[in-house]
C-alpha cells in the first residue's frame, strides 16, 4: 500500500469518528450535570477499533474543530501517528493532533463543516 493510500484511509477513519462526534454534539450541549459540563466524545484517532471515550466541554470540542485538520485523541502516544500528524496540545483529559501533508488534505475534504449541504 502506498503512503498516499494509507494516509487517505487513516484520515477517512478519523473523519468518520469526527462525524460521530459532530452528530452527538447537540446532545452533549444540553446535558449539564456538572460545571463545567464534561461530555463524552470518542477518540478520533486512526485506529478503526478505537472507542476510547474522551471527556471535553462543548467549548473545548469547538476549539478543536476550528481547523479541519485537527482531531481530538485520547491522551496517549498510542493514539498518535507521528508520520502523519503532530501533537499540538496536551491536556490531562485529551490531546489535539494536527494532520500534515496528504492526511491534512484528506481531512479537509471530509470535514463535515466544510462540505456543501448537497455533499453531506
PDB file of N, CA and C in Angstrom:
ATOM      1  N   UNK A   1       0.864  -1.177   0.000  1.00  0.00           N
ATOM      2  CA  UNK A   1       0.000   0.000   0.000  1.00  0.00           C
ATOM      3  C   UNK A   1       0.905   1.234   0.000  1.00  0.00           C
ATOM      4  N   UNK A   2       0.645   2.146  -0.890  1.00  0.00           N
ATOM      5  CA  UNK A   2       1.466   3.348  -0.938  1.00  0.00           C
ATOM      6  C   UNK A   2       1.147   4.257   0.227  1.00  0.00           C
ATOM      7  N   UNK A   3       2.066   5.164   0.502  1.00  0.00           N
ATOM      8  CA  UNK A   3       1.873   6.097   1.607  1.00  0.00           C
ATOM      9  C   UNK A   3       0.625   6.932   1.449  1.00  0.00           C
ATOM     10  N   UNK A   4       0.357   7.400   0.215  1.00  0.00           N
ATOM     11  CA  UNK A   4      -0.830   8.224  -0.009  1.00  0.00           C
ATOM     12  C   UNK A   4      -2.105   7.440   0.265  1.00  0.00           C
ATOM     13  N   UNK A   5      -2.173   6.176  -0.190  1.00  0.00           N
ATOM     14  CA  UNK A   5      -3.363   5.362   0.061  1.00  0.00           C
ATOM     15  C   UNK A   5      -3.553   5.130   1.548  1.00  0.00           C
ATOM     16  N   UNK A   6      -2.472   4.878   2.255  1.00  0.00           N
ATOM     17  CA  UNK A   6      -2.541   4.661   3.698  1.00  0.00           C
ATOM     18  C   UNK A   6      -3.009   5.930   4.390  1.00  0.00           C
ATOM     19  N   UNK A   7      -2.418   7.082   4.039  1.00  0.00           N
ATOM     20  CA  UNK A   7      -2.822   8.350   4.631  1.00  0.00           C
ATOM     21  C   UNK A   7      -4.289   8.635   4.351  1.00  0.00           C
ATOM     22  N   UNK A   8      -4.734   8.344   3.131  1.00  0.00           N
ATOM     23  CA  UNK A   8      -6.139   8.543   2.774  1.00  0.00           C
ATOM     24  C   UNK A   8      -7.040   7.707   3.678  1.00  0.00           C
ATOM     25  N   UNK A   9      -6.707   6.424   3.822  1.00  0.00           N
ATOM     26  CA  UNK A   9      -7.522   5.521   4.617  1.00  0.00           C
ATOM     27  C   UNK A   9      -7.564   5.957   6.077  1.00  0.00           C
ATOM     28  N   UNK A  10      -6.411   6.309   6.616  1.00  0.00           N
ATOM     29  CA  UNK A  10      -6.356   6.704   8.017  1.00  0.00           C
ATOM     30  C   UNK A  10      -7.106   8.014   8.257  1.00  0.00           C
ATOM     31  N   UNK A  11      -6.935   8.964   7.361  1.00  0.00           N
ATOM     32  CA  UNK A  11      -7.649  10.238   7.510  1.00  0.00           C
ATOM     33  C   UNK A  11      -9.159  10.030   7.379  1.00  0.00           C
ATOM     34  N   UNK A  12      -9.577   9.128   6.510  1.00  0.00           N
ATOM     35  CA  UNK A  12     -11.008   8.834   6.382  1.00  0.00           C
ATOM     36  C   UNK A  12     -11.536   8.201   7.668  1.00  0.00           C
ATOM     37  N   UNK A  13     -10.758   7.274   8.268  1.00  0.00           N
ATOM     38  CA  UNK A  13     -11.176   6.666   9.537  1.00  0.00           C
ATOM     39  C   UNK A  13     -11.387   7.741  10.588  1.00  0.00           C
ATOM     40  N   UNK A  14     -10.426   8.635  10.709  1.00  0.00           N
ATOM     41  CA  UNK A  14     -10.527   9.699  11.702  1.00  0.00           C
ATOM     42  C   UNK A  14     -11.713  10.598  11.413  1.00  0.00           C
ATOM     43  N   UNK A  15     -11.954  10.861  10.156  1.00  0.00           N
ATOM     44  CA  UNK A  15     -13.084  11.712   9.780  1.00  0.00           C
ATOM     45  C   UNK A  15     -14.411  11.057  10.141  1.00  0.00           C
ATOM     46  N   UNK A  16     -14.489   9.740  10.058  1.00  0.00           N
ATOM     47  CA  UNK A  16     -15.721   9.048  10.466  1.00  0.00           C
ATOM     48  C   UNK A  16     -15.970   9.222  11.958  1.00  0.00           C
ATOM     49  N   UNK A  17     -14.920   9.120  12.770  1.00  0.00           N
ATOM     50  CA  UNK A  17     -15.073   9.344  14.205  1.00  0.00           C
ATOM     51  C   UNK A  17     -15.492  10.791  14.469  1.00  0.00           C
ATOM     52  N   UNK A  18     -14.908  11.713  13.729  1.00  0.00           N
ATOM     53  CA  UNK A  18     -15.261  13.120  13.894  1.00  0.00           C
ATOM     54  C   UNK A  18     -16.728  13.342  13.530  1.00  0.00           C
ATOM     55  N   UNK A  19     -17.201  12.696  12.475  1.00  0.00           N
ATOM     56  CA  UNK A  19     -18.613  12.838  12.103  1.00  0.00           C
ATOM     57  C   UNK A  19     -19.521  12.322  13.215  1.00  0.00           C
ATOM     58  N   UNK A  20     -19.121  11.231  13.867  1.00  0.00           N
ATOM     59  CA  UNK A  20     -19.894  10.737  15.010  1.00  0.00           C
ATOM     60  C   UNK A  20     -19.963  11.808  16.090  1.00  0.00           C
ATOM     61  N   UNK A  21     -18.833  12.412  16.415  1.00  0.00           N
ATOM     62  CA  UNK A  21     -18.806  13.469  17.434  1.00  0.00           C
ATOM     63  C   UNK A  21     -19.647  14.668  17.017  1.00  0.00           C
ATOM     64  N   UNK A  22     -19.647  14.978  15.749  1.00  0.00           N
ATOM     65  CA  UNK A  22     -20.486  16.079  15.254  1.00  0.00           C
ATOM     66  C   UNK A  22     -21.971  15.770  15.490  1.00  0.00           C
ATOM     67  N   UNK A  23     -22.359  14.510  15.279  1.00  0.00           N
ATOM     68  CA  UNK A  23     -23.764  14.128  15.468  1.00  0.00           C
ATOM     69  C   UNK A  23     -24.183  14.165  16.925  1.00  0.00           C
ATOM     70  N   UNK A  24     -23.270  13.850  17.853  1.00  0.00           N
ATOM     71  CA  UNK A  24     -23.651  13.826  19.269  1.00  0.00           C
ATOM     72  C   UNK A  24     -23.454  15.176  19.957  1.00  0.00           C
ATOM     73  N   UNK A  25     -22.851  16.136  19.275  1.00  0.00           N
ATOM     74  CA  UNK A  25     -22.610  17.440  19.907  1.00  0.00           C
ATOM     75  C   UNK A  25     -23.891  18.093  20.424  1.00  0.00           C
ATOM     76  N   UNK A  26     -24.994  18.121  19.670  1.00  0.00           N
ATOM     77  CA  UNK A  26     -26.214  18.752  20.217  1.00  0.00           C
ATOM     78  C   UNK A  26     -26.679  18.087  21.517  1.00  0.00           C
ATOM     79  N   UNK A  27     -26.571  16.770  21.584  1.00  0.00           N
ATOM     80  CA  UNK A  27     -26.933  16.049  22.807  1.00  0.00           C
ATOM     81  C   UNK A  27     -26.009  16.461  23.952  1.00  0.00           C
ATOM     82  N   UNK A  28     -24.703  16.501  23.677  1.00  0.00           N
ATOM     83  CA  UNK A  28     -23.736  16.876  24.703  1.00  0.00           C
ATOM     84  C   UNK A  28     -23.946  18.312  25.181  1.00  0.00           C
ATOM     85  N   UNK A  29     -24.381  19.169  24.301  1.00  0.00           N
ATOM     86  CA  UNK A  29     -24.538  20.585  24.645  1.00  0.00           C
ATOM     87  C   UNK A  29     -25.682  20.838  25.629  1.00  0.00           C
ATOM     88  N   UNK A  30     -26.677  19.965  25.661  1.00  0.00           N
ATOM     89  CA  UNK A  30     -27.830  20.211  26.534  1.00  0.00           C
ATOM     90  C   UNK A  30     -27.725  19.533  27.893  1.00  0.00           C
ATOM     91  N   UNK A  31     -26.751  18.678  28.087  1.00  0.00           N
ATOM     92  CA  UNK A  31     -26.595  17.985  29.360  1.00  0.00           C
ATOM     93  C   UNK A  31     -25.521  18.672  30.193  1.00  0.00           C
ATOM     94  N   UNK A  32     -25.954  19.253  31.281  1.00  0.00           N
ATOM     95  CA  UNK A  32     -25.023  19.997  32.137  1.00  0.00           C
ATOM     96  C   UNK A  32     -25.150  19.524  33.575  1.00  0.00           C
ATOM     97  N   UNK A  33     -24.625  18.331  33.841  1.00  0.00           N
ATOM     98  CA  UNK A  33     -24.726  17.758  35.180  1.00  0.00           C
ATOM     99  C   UNK A  33     -23.685  18.339  36.130  1.00  0.00           C
ATOM    100  N   UNK A  34     -22.598  18.821  35.594  1.00  0.00           N
ATOM    101  CA  UNK A  34     -21.538  19.412  36.410  1.00  0.00           C
ATOM    102  C   UNK A  34     -21.141  20.736  35.769  1.00  0.00           C
ATOM    103  N   UNK A  35     -20.389  21.526  36.497  1.00  0.00           N
ATOM    104  CA  UNK A  35     -19.942  22.796  35.950  1.00  0.00           C
ATOM    105  C   UNK A  35     -18.425  22.873  36.094  1.00  0.00           C
ATOM    106  N   UNK A  36     -17.659  22.896  35.007  1.00  0.00           N
ATOM    107  CA  UNK A  36     -18.143  22.880  33.619  1.00  0.00           C
ATOM    108  C   UNK A  36     -18.645  21.498  33.243  1.00  0.00           C
ATOM    109  N   UNK A  37     -19.521  21.479  32.270  1.00  0.00           N
ATOM    110  CA  UNK A  37     -20.135  20.225  31.828  1.00  0.00           C
ATOM    111  C   UNK A  37     -19.179  19.465  30.909  1.00  0.00           C
ATOM    112  N   UNK A  38     -18.662  18.342  31.395  1.00  0.00           N
ATOM    113  CA  UNK A  38     -17.808  17.497  30.570  1.00  0.00           C
ATOM    114  C   UNK A  38     -18.679  16.478  29.857  1.00  0.00           C
ATOM    115  N   UNK A  39     -18.557  16.430  28.565  1.00  0.00           N
ATOM    116  CA  UNK A  39     -19.328  15.486  27.763  1.00  0.00           C
ATOM    117  C   UNK A  39     -18.406  14.371  27.289  1.00  0.00           C
ATOM    118  N   UNK A  40     -18.994  13.235  26.966  1.00  0.00           N
ATOM    119  CA  UNK A  40     -18.225  12.128  26.406  1.00  0.00           C
ATOM    120  C   UNK A  40     -18.216  12.221  24.892  1.00  0.00           C
ATOM    121  N   UNK A  41     -17.025  12.230  24.334  1.00  0.00           N
ATOM    122  CA  UNK A  41     -16.796  12.197  22.896  1.00  0.00           C
ATOM    123  C   UNK A  41     -16.026  10.902  22.653  1.00  0.00           C
ATOM    124  N   UNK A  42     -15.808  10.551  21.401  1.00  0.00           N
ATOM    125  CA  UNK A  42     -14.962   9.393  21.146  1.00  0.00           C
ATOM    126  C   UNK A  42     -13.648   9.863  20.548  1.00  0.00           C
ATOM    127  N   UNK A  43     -12.613   9.107  20.847  1.00  0.00           N
ATOM    128  CA  UNK A  43     -11.289   9.396  20.312  1.00  0.00           C
ATOM    129  C   UNK A  43     -11.366   9.389  18.788  1.00  0.00           C
ATOM    130  N   UNK A  44     -10.729  10.355  18.163  1.00  0.00           N
ATOM    131  CA  UNK A  44     -10.761  10.479  16.712  1.00  0.00           C
ATOM    132  C   UNK A  44      -9.463   9.993  16.073  1.00  0.00           C
ATOM    133  N   UNK A  45      -8.797   9.035  16.713  1.00  0.00           N
ATOM    134  CA  UNK A  45      -7.547   8.511  16.161  1.00  0.00           C
ATOM    135  C   UNK A  45      -7.827   7.629  14.948  1.00  0.00           C
ATOM    136  N   UNK A  46      -6.769   7.180  14.300  1.00  0.00           N
ATOM    137  CA  UNK A  46      -6.897   6.413  13.062  1.00  0.00           C
ATOM    138  C   UNK A  46      -7.246   4.942  13.273  1.00  0.00           C
ATOM    139  N   UNK A  47      -7.180   4.462  14.492  1.00  0.00           N
ATOM    140  CA  UNK A  47      -7.458   3.059  14.780  1.00  0.00           C
ATOM    141  C   UNK A  47      -8.943   2.776  14.627  1.00  0.00           C
ATOM    142  N   UNK A  48      -9.301   1.980  13.636  1.00  0.00           N
ATOM    143  CA  UNK A  48     -10.711   1.672  13.357  1.00  0.00           C
ATOM    144  C   UNK A  48     -11.432   1.067  14.548  1.00  0.00           C
ATOM    145  N   UNK A  49     -10.710   0.344  15.396  1.00  0.00           N
ATOM    146  CA  UNK A  49     -11.332  -0.322  16.524  1.00  0.00           C
ATOM    147  C   UNK A  49     -11.352   0.496  17.799  1.00  0.00           C
ATOM    148  N   UNK A  50     -10.840   1.712  17.760  1.00  0.00           N
ATOM    149  CA  UNK A  50     -10.768   2.533  18.957  1.00  0.00           C
ATOM    150  C   UNK A  50     -12.157   3.060  19.316  1.00  0.00           C
ATOM    151  N   UNK A  51     -12.477   2.955  20.584  1.00  0.00           N
ATOM    152  CA  UNK A  51     -13.733   3.527  21.075  1.00  0.00           C
ATOM    153  C   UNK A  51     -13.504   4.166  22.443  1.00  0.00           C
ATOM    154  N   UNK A  52     -12.298   4.650  22.660  1.00  0.00           N
ATOM    155  CA  UNK A  52     -11.942   5.251  23.939  1.00  0.00           C
ATOM    156  C   UNK A  52     -12.726   6.548  24.112  1.00  0.00           C
ATOM    157  N   UNK A  53     -13.453   6.679  25.222  1.00  0.00           N
ATOM    158  CA  UNK A  53     -14.164   7.942  25.460  1.00  0.00           C
ATOM    159  C   UNK A  53     -13.179   9.033  25.886  1.00  0.00           C
ATOM    160  N   UNK A  54     -13.451  10.235  25.441  1.00  0.00           N
ATOM    161  CA  UNK A  54     -12.636  11.390  25.782  1.00  0.00           C
ATOM    162  C   UNK A  54     -13.581  12.451  26.329  1.00  0.00           C
ATOM    163  N   UNK A  55     -13.231  13.036  27.476  1.00  0.00           N
ATOM    164  CA  UNK A  55     -14.131  13.997  28.140  1.00  0.00           C
ATOM    165  C   UNK A  55     -13.655  15.426  27.877  1.00  0.00           C
ATOM    166  N   UNK A  56     -14.531  16.207  27.252  1.00  0.00           N
ATOM    167  CA  UNK A  56     -14.278  17.611  26.960  1.00  0.00           C
ATOM    168  C   UNK A  56     -15.560  18.387  27.198  1.00  0.00           C
ATOM    169  N   UNK A  57     -15.425  19.667  27.432  1.00  0.00           N
ATOM    170  CA  UNK A  57     -16.599  20.531  27.404  1.00  0.00           C
ATOM    171  C   UNK A  57     -16.945  20.779  25.932  1.00  0.00           C
ATOM    172  N   UNK A  58     -18.126  21.261  25.688  1.00  0.00           N
ATOM    173  CA  UNK A  58     -18.507  21.598  24.314  1.00  0.00           C
ATOM    174  C   UNK A  58     -17.593  22.704  23.789  1.00  0.00           C
ATOM    175  N   UNK A  59     -17.230  23.660  24.631  1.00  0.00           N
ATOM    176  CA  UNK A  59     -16.326  24.742  24.205  1.00  0.00           C
ATOM    177  C   UNK A  59     -14.950  24.197  23.827  1.00  0.00           C
ATOM    178  N   UNK A  60     -14.450  23.227  24.584  1.00  0.00           N
ATOM    179  CA  UNK A  60     -13.154  22.622  24.241  1.00  0.00           C
ATOM    180  C   UNK A  60     -13.252  21.885  22.911  1.00  0.00           C
ATOM    181  N   UNK A  61     -14.357  21.175  22.706  1.00  0.00           N
ATOM    182  CA  UNK A  61     -14.545  20.472  21.434  1.00  0.00           C
ATOM    183  C   UNK A  61     -14.593  21.474  20.275  1.00  0.00           C
ATOM    184  N   UNK A  62     -15.308  22.559  20.467  1.00  0.00           N
ATOM    185  CA  UNK A  62     -15.388  23.578  19.413  1.00  0.00           C
ATOM    186  C   UNK A  62     -14.010  24.165  19.103  1.00  0.00           C
ATOM    187  N   UNK A  63     -13.157  24.301  20.097  1.00  0.00           N
ATOM    188  CA  UNK A  63     -11.800  24.801  19.873  1.00  0.00           C
ATOM    189  C   UNK A  63     -11.003  23.834  18.993  1.00  0.00           C
ATOM    190  N   UNK A  64     -11.213  22.536  19.188  1.00  0.00           N
ATOM    191  CA  UNK A  64     -10.557  21.546  18.327  1.00  0.00           C
ATOM    192  C   UNK A  64     -11.051  21.710  16.898  1.00  0.00           C
ATOM    193  N   UNK A  65     -12.331  21.918  16.733  1.00  0.00           N
ATOM    194  CA  UNK A  65     -12.958  21.951  15.411  1.00  0.00           C
ATOM    195  C   UNK A  65     -12.722  23.232  14.626  1.00  0.00           C
ATOM    196  N   UNK A  66     -11.998  24.180  15.202  1.00  0.00           N
ATOM    197  CA  UNK A  66     -11.728  25.421  14.477  1.00  0.00           C
ATOM    198  C   UNK A  66     -10.957  25.180  13.185  1.00  0.00           C
ATOM    199  N   UNK A  67     -10.181  24.113  13.139  1.00  0.00           N
ATOM    200  CA  UNK A  67      -9.429  23.769  11.933  1.00  0.00           C
ATOM    201  C   UNK A  67      -9.773  22.347  11.519  1.00  0.00           C
ATOM    202  N   UNK A  68     -10.051  22.162  10.250  1.00  0.00           N
ATOM    203  CA  UNK A  68     -10.446  20.846   9.726  1.00  0.00           C
ATOM    204  C   UNK A  68      -9.343  19.803   9.866  1.00  0.00           C
ATOM    205  N   UNK A  69      -8.121  20.223  10.026  1.00  0.00           N
ATOM    206  CA  UNK A  69      -7.001  19.284  10.116  1.00  0.00           C
ATOM    207  C   UNK A  69      -6.686  18.857  11.544  1.00  0.00           C
ATOM    208  N   UNK A  70      -7.486  19.332  12.498  1.00  0.00           N
ATOM    209  CA  UNK A  70      -7.249  18.989  13.903  1.00  0.00           C
ATOM    210  C   UNK A  70      -8.257  17.959  14.398  1.00  0.00           C
ATOM    211  N   UNK A  71      -7.746  17.047  15.219  1.00  0.00           N
ATOM    212  CA  UNK A  71      -8.558  15.966  15.768  1.00  0.00           C
ATOM    213  C   UNK A  71      -8.273  15.815  17.250  1.00  0.00           C
ATOM    214  N   UNK A  72      -9.272  15.368  17.977  1.00  0.00           N
ATOM    215  CA  UNK A  72      -9.093  15.106  19.395  1.00  0.00           C
ATOM    216  C   UNK A  72      -8.797  13.622  19.562  1.00  0.00           C
ATOM    217  N   UNK A  73      -7.818  13.317  20.399  1.00  0.00           N
ATOM    218  CA  UNK A  73      -7.462  11.929  20.657  1.00  0.00           C
ATOM    219  C   UNK A  73      -7.298  11.713  22.153  1.00  0.00           C
ATOM    220  N   UNK A  74      -7.390  10.452  22.554  1.00  0.00           N
ATOM    221  CA  UNK A  74      -7.139  10.101  23.945  1.00  0.00           C
ATOM    222  C   UNK A  74      -5.687  10.454  24.281  1.00  0.00           C
ATOM    223  N   UNK A  75      -5.430  10.848  25.518  1.00  0.00           N
ATOM    224  CA  UNK A  75      -4.087  11.314  25.895  1.00  0.00           C
ATOM    225  C   UNK A  75      -3.075  10.176  26.047  1.00  0.00           C
ATOM    226  N   UNK A  76      -2.570   9.717  24.903  1.00  0.00           N
ATOM    227  CA  UNK A  76      -1.588   8.640  24.892  1.00  0.00           C
ATOM    228  C   UNK A  76      -0.915   8.600  23.525  1.00  0.00           C
ATOM    229  N   UNK A  77       0.372   8.273  23.517  1.00  0.00           N
ATOM    230  CA  UNK A  77       1.106   8.134  22.260  1.00  0.00           C
ATOM    231  C   UNK A  77       0.488   7.050  21.374  1.00  0.00           C
ATOM    232  N   UNK A  78      -0.240   6.101  21.978  1.00  0.00           N
ATOM    233  CA  UNK A  78      -0.871   5.020  21.220  1.00  0.00           C
ATOM    234  C   UNK A  78      -1.911   5.540  20.234  1.00  0.00           C
ATOM    235  N   UNK A  79      -2.385   6.751  20.422  1.00  0.00           N
ATOM    236  CA  UNK A  79      -3.441   7.312  19.575  1.00  0.00           C
ATOM    237  C   UNK A  79      -2.898   8.336  18.574  1.00  0.00           C
ATOM    238  N   UNK A  80      -1.587   8.409  18.461  1.00  0.00           N
ATOM    239  CA  UNK A  80      -0.945   9.387  17.591  1.00  0.00           C
ATOM    240  C   UNK A  80      -0.130   8.679  16.523  1.00  0.00           C
ATOM    241  N   UNK A  81      -0.210   9.190  15.289  1.00  0.00           N
ATOM    242  CA  UNK A  81       0.590   8.662  14.183  1.00  0.00           C
ATOM    243  C   UNK A  81       1.612   9.722  13.783  1.00  0.00           C
ATOM    244  N   UNK A  82       2.813   9.661  14.345  1.00  0.00           N
ATOM    245  CA  UNK A  82       3.807  10.722  14.132  1.00  0.00           C
ATOM    246  C   UNK A  82       4.181  10.970  12.674  1.00  0.00           C
ATOM    247  N   UNK A  83       4.014   9.978  11.813  1.00  0.00           N
ATOM    248  CA  UNK A  83       4.367  10.195  10.410  1.00  0.00           C
ATOM    249  C   UNK A  83       3.317  10.993   9.648  1.00  0.00           C
ATOM    250  N   UNK A  84       2.118  11.164  10.215  1.00  0.00           N
ATOM    251  CA  UNK A  84       1.049  11.882   9.517  1.00  0.00           C
ATOM    252  C   UNK A  84       0.474  13.048  10.303  1.00  0.00           C
ATOM    253  N   UNK A  85       0.870  13.168  11.575  1.00  0.00           N
ATOM    254  CA  UNK A  85       0.299  14.224  12.411  1.00  0.00           C
ATOM    255  C   UNK A  85       1.264  14.584  13.533  1.00  0.00           C
ATOM    256  N   UNK A  86       1.026  15.749  14.090  1.00  0.00           N
ATOM    257  CA  UNK A  86       1.837  16.167  15.238  1.00  0.00           C
ATOM    258  C   UNK A  86       0.894  16.582  16.370  1.00  0.00           C
ATOM    259  N   UNK A  87       1.370  16.404  17.579  1.00  0.00           N
ATOM    260  CA  UNK A  87       0.595  16.799  18.748  1.00  0.00           C
ATOM    261  C   UNK A  87       0.754  18.298  18.921  1.00  0.00           C
ATOM    262  N   UNK A  88      -0.353  19.012  18.956  1.00  0.00           N
ATOM    263  CA  UNK A  88      -0.254  20.462  19.121  1.00  0.00           C
ATOM    264  C   UNK A  88      -0.710  20.925  20.500  1.00  0.00           C
ATOM    265  N   UNK A  89      -1.382  20.030  21.240  1.00  0.00           N
ATOM    266  CA  UNK A  89      -1.811  20.385  22.589  1.00  0.00           C
ATOM    267  C   UNK A  89      -1.983  19.115  23.410  1.00  0.00           C
ATOM    268  N   UNK A  90      -1.470  19.146  24.629  1.00  0.00           N
ATOM    269  CA  UNK A  90      -1.607  18.014  25.557  1.00  0.00           C
ATOM    270  C   UNK A  90      -2.317  18.497  26.808  1.00  0.00           C
ATOM    271  N   UNK A  91      -3.484  17.957  27.038  1.00  0.00           N
ATOM    272  CA  UNK A  91      -4.237  18.214  28.255  1.00  0.00           C
ATOM    273  C   UNK A  91      -4.344  16.897  29.005  1.00  0.00           C
ATOM    274  N   UNK A  92      -4.681  16.954  30.257  1.00  0.00           N
ATOM    275  CA  UNK A  92      -4.808  15.734  31.047  1.00  0.00           C
ATOM    276  C   UNK A  92      -5.882  14.805  30.489  1.00  0.00           C
ATOM    277  N   UNK A  93      -7.004  15.367  30.014  1.00  0.00           N
ATOM    278  CA  UNK A  93      -8.138  14.573  29.547  1.00  0.00           C
ATOM    279  C   UNK A  93      -8.104  14.253  28.065  1.00  0.00           C
ATOM    280  N   UNK A  94      -7.349  15.011  27.287  1.00  0.00           N
ATOM    281  CA  UNK A  94      -7.331  14.822  25.831  1.00  0.00           C
ATOM    282  C   UNK A  94      -6.094  15.481  25.233  1.00  0.00           C
ATOM    283  N   UNK A  95      -5.759  15.071  24.025  1.00  0.00           N
ATOM    284  CA  UNK A  95      -4.716  15.713  23.234  1.00  0.00           C
ATOM    285  C   UNK A  95      -5.349  16.163  21.918  1.00  0.00           C
ATOM    286  N   UNK A  96      -4.743  17.162  21.295  1.00  0.00           N
ATOM    287  CA  UNK A  96      -5.156  17.595  19.961  1.00  0.00           C
ATOM    288  C   UNK A  96      -3.999  17.322  19.013  1.00  0.00           C
ATOM    289  N   UNK A  97      -4.304  16.649  17.908  1.00  0.00           N
ATOM    290  CA  UNK A  97      -3.301  16.400  16.876  1.00  0.00           C
ATOM    291  C   UNK A  97      -3.697  17.166  15.626  1.00  0.00           C
ATOM    292  N   UNK A  98      -2.685  17.491  14.824  1.00  0.00           N
ATOM    293  CA  UNK A  98      -2.945  18.169  13.561  1.00  0.00           C
ATOM    294  C   UNK A  98      -2.308  17.367  12.437  1.00  0.00           C
ATOM    295  N   UNK A  99      -3.112  17.100  11.426  1.00  0.00           N
ATOM    296  CA  UNK A  99      -2.652  16.346  10.264  1.00  0.00           C
ATOM    297  C   UNK A  99      -1.678  17.175   9.436  1.00  0.00           C
ATOM    298  N   UNK A 100      -0.770  16.466   8.776  1.00  0.00           N
ATOM    299  CA  UNK A 100       0.194  17.092   7.870  1.00  0.00           C
ATOM    300  C   UNK A 100       0.097  16.425   6.505  1.00  0.00           C
ATOM    301  N   UNK A 101       0.561  17.133   5.492  1.00  0.00           N
ATOM    302  CA  UNK A 101       0.674  16.560   4.152  1.00  0.00           C
ATOM    303  C   UNK A 101      -0.632  16.048   3.592  1.00  0.00           C
ATOM    304  N   UNK A 102      -0.545  14.873   2.961  1.00  0.00           N
ATOM    305  CA  UNK A 102      -1.701  14.269   2.312  1.00  0.00           C
ATOM    306  C   UNK A 102      -2.844  14.015   3.307  1.00  0.00           C
ATOM    307  N   UNK A 103      -2.499  13.601   4.522  1.00  0.00           N
ATOM    308  CA  UNK A 103      -3.528  13.350   5.539  1.00  0.00           C
ATOM    309  C   UNK A 103      -4.309  14.629   5.840  1.00  0.00           C
ATOM    310  N   UNK A 104      -3.636  15.769   5.826  1.00  0.00           N
ATOM    311  CA  UNK A 104      -4.320  17.052   6.051  1.00  0.00           C
ATOM    312  C   UNK A 104      -5.288  17.349   4.900  1.00  0.00           C
ATOM    313  N   UNK A 105      -4.849  17.077   3.681  1.00  0.00           N
ATOM    314  CA  UNK A 105      -5.717  17.319   2.522  1.00  0.00           C
ATOM    315  C   UNK A 105      -6.990  16.475   2.604  1.00  0.00           C
ATOM    316  N   UNK A 106      -6.834  15.206   2.948  1.00  0.00           N
ATOM    317  CA  UNK A 106      -7.986  14.311   3.044  1.00  0.00           C
ATOM    318  C   UNK A 106      -8.894  14.745   4.192  1.00  0.00           C
ATOM    319  N   UNK A 107      -8.298  15.143   5.297  1.00  0.00           N
ATOM    320  CA  UNK A 107      -9.096  15.599   6.449  1.00  0.00           C
ATOM    321  C   UNK A 107      -9.952  16.801   6.080  1.00  0.00           C
ATOM    322  N   UNK A 108      -9.379  17.727   5.354  1.00  0.00           N
ATOM    323  CA  UNK A 108     -10.139  18.904   4.920  1.00  0.00           C
ATOM    324  C   UNK A 108     -11.270  18.509   3.981  1.00  0.00           C
ATOM    325  N   UNK A 109     -10.991  17.566   3.093  1.00  0.00           N
ATOM    326  CA  UNK A 109     -12.006  17.113   2.136  1.00  0.00           C
ATOM    327  C   UNK A 109     -13.195  16.480   2.848  1.00  0.00           C
ATOM    328  N   UNK A 110     -12.946  15.725   3.909  1.00  0.00           N
ATOM    329  CA  UNK A 110     -14.010  15.002   4.599  1.00  0.00           C
ATOM    330  C   UNK A 110     -14.551  15.731   5.826  1.00  0.00           C
ATOM    331  N   UNK A 111     -14.167  16.962   6.024  1.00  0.00           N
ATOM    332  CA  UNK A 111     -14.666  17.720   7.170  1.00  0.00           C
ATOM    333  C   UNK A 111     -16.136  18.056   6.960  1.00  0.00           C
ATOM    334  N   UNK A 112     -17.017  17.566   7.849  1.00  0.00           N
ATOM    335  CA  UNK A 112     -18.456  17.821   7.644  1.00  0.00           C
ATOM    336  C   UNK A 112     -18.822  19.296   7.707  1.00  0.00           C
ATOM    337  N   UNK A 113     -18.025  20.108   8.358  1.00  0.00           N
ATOM    338  CA  UNK A 113     -18.336  21.538   8.437  1.00  0.00           C
ATOM    339  C   UNK A 113     -17.881  22.298   7.205  1.00  0.00           C
ATOM    340  N   UNK A 114     -17.031  21.685   6.408  1.00  0.00           N
ATOM    341  CA  UNK A 114     -16.519  22.349   5.209  1.00  0.00           C
ATOM    342  C   UNK A 114     -17.301  21.989   3.961  1.00  0.00           C
ATOM    343  N   UNK A 115     -17.984  20.848   3.994  1.00  0.00           N
ATOM    344  CA  UNK A 115     -18.704  20.389   2.808  1.00  0.00           C
ATOM    345  C   UNK A 115     -19.959  21.219   2.585  1.00  0.00           C
ATOM    346  N   UNK A 116     -20.321  21.282   1.337  1.00  0.00           N
ATOM    347  CA  UNK A 116     -21.570  21.935   0.952  1.00  0.00           C
ATOM    348  C   UNK A 116     -22.733  21.047   1.392  1.00  0.00           C
ATOM    349  N   UNK A 117     -23.898  21.630   1.700  1.00  0.00           N
ATOM    350  CA  UNK A 117     -25.062  20.827   2.134  1.00  0.00           C
ATOM    351  C   UNK A 117     -25.379  19.676   1.194  1.00  0.00           C
ATOM    352  N   UNK A 118     -25.214  19.847  -0.099  1.00  0.00           N
ATOM    353  CA  UNK A 118     -25.542  18.791  -1.050  1.00  0.00           C
ATOM    354  C   UNK A 118     -24.552  17.636  -0.978  1.00  0.00           C
ATOM    355  N   UNK A 119     -23.376  17.852  -0.368  1.00  0.00           N
ATOM    356  CA  UNK A 119     -22.365  16.807  -0.274  1.00  0.00           C
ATOM    357  C   UNK A 119     -22.527  15.967   0.980  1.00  0.00           C
ATOM    358  N   UNK A 120     -23.337  16.379   1.919  1.00  0.00           N
ATOM    359  CA  UNK A 120     -23.468  15.669   3.203  1.00  0.00           C
ATOM    360  C   UNK A 120     -24.329  14.457   3.108  1.00  0.00           C
TER     361      UNK A 120
END
